């Protein structure tokens, strides 16, 4: 992720504007910039979540980059570079001596 894109996320406090649940194992998340004018405007950061038949969960971004340069309407035809997903991180409670889920 480029420093400019990190600054955009921090400045705009972006949350997914659109979530496309294709199935329980395939979900797309769309994060538009505030200046985005629609689904065809290439000002989206698109993230995909996939769980394979072995239960391995991965997430990816267009071309493996966290850039706001894709159109939401193109999400199905874009190439995503997948990485590991850490969905089971336990938050640390400084007031507790043990951690449980």
C-alpha atoms as a PDB file:
ATOM      1  CA  UNK A   1       0.000   0.000   0.000  1.00  0.00           C
ATOM      2  CA  UNK A   2       1.368   3.350  -0.926  1.00  0.00           C
ATOM      3  CA  UNK A   3       1.725   6.072   1.682  1.00  0.00           C
ATOM      4  CA  UNK A   4      -0.732   8.243  -0.258  1.00  0.00           C
ATOM      5  CA  UNK A   5      -3.417   5.519  -0.074  1.00  0.00           C
ATOM      6  CA  UNK A   6      -2.799   4.958   3.649  1.00  0.00           C
ATOM      7  CA  UNK A   7      -3.282   8.685   4.169  1.00  0.00           C
ATOM      8  CA  UNK A   8      -6.557   8.586   2.209  1.00  0.00           C
ATOM      9  CA  UNK A   9      -7.921   5.789   4.393  1.00  0.00           C
ATOM     10  CA  UNK A  10      -6.930   7.628   7.560  1.00  0.00           C
ATOM     11  CA  UNK A  11      -8.228  10.988   6.329  1.00  0.00           C
ATOM     12  CA  UNK A  12     -11.561   9.747   5.018  1.00  0.00           C
ATOM     13  CA  UNK A  13     -11.998   6.923   7.580  1.00  0.00           C
ATOM     14  CA  UNK A  14     -13.272   4.720   4.779  1.00  0.00           C
ATOM     15  CA  UNK A  15     -15.674   1.863   5.378  1.00  0.00           C
ATOM     16  CA  UNK A  16     -17.059  -0.415   2.686  1.00  0.00           C
ATOM     17  CA  UNK A  17     -19.831   1.382   0.865  1.00  0.00           C
ATOM     18  CA  UNK A  18     -20.964  -1.745  -0.959  1.00  0.00           C
ATOM     19  CA  UNK A  19     -20.723  -5.390   0.046  1.00  0.00           C
ATOM     20  CA  UNK A  20     -21.500  -7.938  -2.668  1.00  0.00           C
ATOM     21  CA  UNK A  21     -22.145 -11.347  -1.064  1.00  0.00           C
ATOM     22  CA  UNK A  22     -21.927 -13.579  -4.117  1.00  0.00           C
ATOM     23  CA  UNK A  23     -22.010 -16.610  -1.800  1.00  0.00           C
ATOM     24  CA  UNK A  24     -21.002 -17.484   1.756  1.00  0.00           C
ATOM     25  CA  UNK A  25     -17.532 -18.217   0.376  1.00  0.00           C
ATOM     26  CA  UNK A  26     -17.111 -15.243  -1.983  1.00  0.00           C
ATOM     27  CA  UNK A  27     -17.619 -11.634  -0.905  1.00  0.00           C
ATOM     28  CA  UNK A  28     -16.520  -8.360  -2.507  1.00  0.00           C
ATOM     29  CA  UNK A  29     -16.039  -5.164  -0.472  1.00  0.00           C
ATOM     30  CA  UNK A  30     -16.069  -1.772  -2.196  1.00  0.00           C
ATOM     31  CA  UNK A  31     -14.419   1.293  -0.672  1.00  0.00           C
ATOM     32  CA  UNK A  32     -14.997   4.445  -2.767  1.00  0.00           C
ATOM     33  CA  UNK A  33     -13.199   7.710  -2.313  1.00  0.00           C
ATOM     34  CA  UNK A  34     -15.509  10.566  -1.288  1.00  0.00           C
ATOM     35  CA  UNK A  35     -14.943  12.077  -4.739  1.00  0.00           C
ATOM     36  CA  UNK A  36     -16.225   8.928  -6.475  1.00  0.00           C
ATOM     37  CA  UNK A  37     -19.218   9.639  -8.736  1.00  0.00           C
ATOM     38  CA  UNK A  38     -20.542   6.103  -9.238  1.00  0.00           C
ATOM     39  CA  UNK A  39     -19.837   2.416  -9.763  1.00  0.00           C
ATOM     40  CA  UNK A  40     -18.105   3.052 -13.123  1.00  0.00           C
ATOM     41  CA  UNK A  41     -15.761   5.706 -11.699  1.00  0.00           C
ATOM     42  CA  UNK A  42     -12.256   4.218 -11.157  1.00  0.00           C
ATOM     43  CA  UNK A  43     -11.942   5.554  -7.618  1.00  0.00           C
ATOM     44  CA  UNK A  44     -12.640   2.340  -5.729  1.00  0.00           C
ATOM     45  CA  UNK A  45     -10.490   0.139  -3.528  1.00  0.00           C
ATOM     46  CA  UNK A  46     -11.893  -3.364  -4.019  1.00  0.00           C
ATOM     47  CA  UNK A  47     -11.206  -6.233  -1.656  1.00  0.00           C
ATOM     48  CA  UNK A  48     -12.336  -9.820  -2.180  1.00  0.00           C
ATOM     49  CA  UNK A  49     -12.792 -12.542   0.447  1.00  0.00           C
ATOM     50  CA  UNK A  50     -12.726 -16.214  -0.537  1.00  0.00           C
ATOM     51  CA  UNK A  51     -12.998 -19.443   1.466  1.00  0.00           C
ATOM     52  CA  UNK A  52     -11.931 -22.549  -0.453  1.00  0.00           C
ATOM     53  CA  UNK A  53     -13.315 -26.086  -0.137  1.00  0.00           C
ATOM     54  CA  UNK A  54     -10.753 -26.859   2.608  1.00  0.00           C
ATOM     55  CA  UNK A  55     -11.972 -23.923   4.707  1.00  0.00           C
ATOM     56  CA  UNK A  56      -8.877 -21.809   4.030  1.00  0.00           C
ATOM     57  CA  UNK A  57      -9.837 -18.122   4.092  1.00  0.00           C
ATOM     58  CA  UNK A  58      -7.987 -15.553   2.029  1.00  0.00           C
ATOM     59  CA  UNK A  59      -8.485 -11.953   1.089  1.00  0.00           C
ATOM     60  CA  UNK A  60      -7.054 -10.025  -1.794  1.00  0.00           C
ATOM     61  CA  UNK A  61      -6.906  -6.726  -3.591  1.00  0.00           C
ATOM     62  CA  UNK A  62      -6.874  -5.856  -7.281  1.00  0.00           C
ATOM     63  CA  UNK A  63      -3.416  -6.787  -8.592  1.00  0.00           C
ATOM     64  CA  UNK A  64      -2.329  -7.204  -4.965  1.00  0.00           C
ATOM     65  CA  UNK A  65      -2.367  -3.445  -4.421  1.00  0.00           C
ATOM     66  CA  UNK A  66      -4.474  -1.338  -2.118  1.00  0.00           C
ATOM     67  CA  UNK A  67      -5.115   1.449  -4.602  1.00  0.00           C
ATOM     68  CA  UNK A  68      -8.234   3.474  -5.302  1.00  0.00           C
ATOM     69  CA  UNK A  69      -8.049   3.010  -9.068  1.00  0.00           C
ATOM     70  CA  UNK A  70     -10.669   0.386  -9.935  1.00  0.00           C
ATOM     71  CA  UNK A  71     -14.305   0.647 -10.971  1.00  0.00           C
ATOM     72  CA  UNK A  72     -16.741  -1.288  -8.773  1.00  0.00           C
ATOM     73  CA  UNK A  73     -18.637  -2.356 -11.900  1.00  0.00           C
ATOM     74  CA  UNK A  74     -15.498  -4.231 -13.097  1.00  0.00           C
ATOM     75  CA  UNK A  75     -15.026  -6.265  -9.887  1.00  0.00           C
ATOM     76  CA  UNK A  76     -15.836  -9.664 -11.436  1.00  0.00           C
ATOM     77  CA  UNK A  77     -13.341  -9.286 -14.287  1.00  0.00           C
ATOM     78  CA  UNK A  78     -10.408  -7.916 -12.271  1.00  0.00           C
ATOM     79  CA  UNK A  79      -7.370  -9.924 -11.167  1.00  0.00           C
ATOM     80  CA  UNK A  80      -6.861 -10.265  -7.417  1.00  0.00           C
ATOM     81  CA  UNK A  81      -3.719 -11.293  -5.557  1.00  0.00           C
ATOM     82  CA  UNK A  82      -4.757 -13.317  -2.529  1.00  0.00           C
ATOM     83  CA  UNK A  83      -3.071 -13.492   0.876  1.00  0.00           C
ATOM     84  CA  UNK A  84      -3.829 -14.993   4.268  1.00  0.00           C
ATOM     85  CA  UNK A  85      -6.683 -13.747   6.432  1.00  0.00           C
ATOM     86  CA  UNK A  86      -6.255 -13.507  10.179  1.00  0.00           C
ATOM     87  CA  UNK A  87      -9.845 -13.552  11.398  1.00  0.00           C
ATOM     88  CA  UNK A  88      -9.234 -15.067  14.786  1.00  0.00           C
ATOM     89  CA  UNK A  89      -7.128 -12.386  16.457  1.00  0.00           C
ATOM     90  CA  UNK A  90      -7.988 -11.994  20.119  1.00  0.00           C
ATOM     91  CA  UNK A  91      -7.982  -8.397  21.346  1.00  0.00           C
ATOM     92  CA  UNK A  92      -5.766  -7.807  24.342  1.00  0.00           C
ATOM     93  CA  UNK A  93      -7.554  -6.604  27.431  1.00  0.00           C
ATOM     94  CA  UNK A  94      -4.996  -4.917  29.710  1.00  0.00           C
ATOM     95  CA  UNK A  95      -7.310  -5.494  32.720  1.00  0.00           C
ATOM     96  CA  UNK A  96      -7.455  -9.258  32.278  1.00  0.00           C
ATOM     97  CA  UNK A  97      -4.804 -11.844  33.139  1.00  0.00           C
ATOM     98  CA  UNK A  98      -6.178 -14.410  30.660  1.00  0.00           C
ATOM     99  CA  UNK A  99      -7.665 -14.183  27.223  1.00  0.00           C
ATOM    100  CA  UNK A 100     -10.667 -16.140  26.008  1.00  0.00           C
ATOM    101  CA  UNK A 101     -12.743 -16.032  22.858  1.00  0.00           C
END
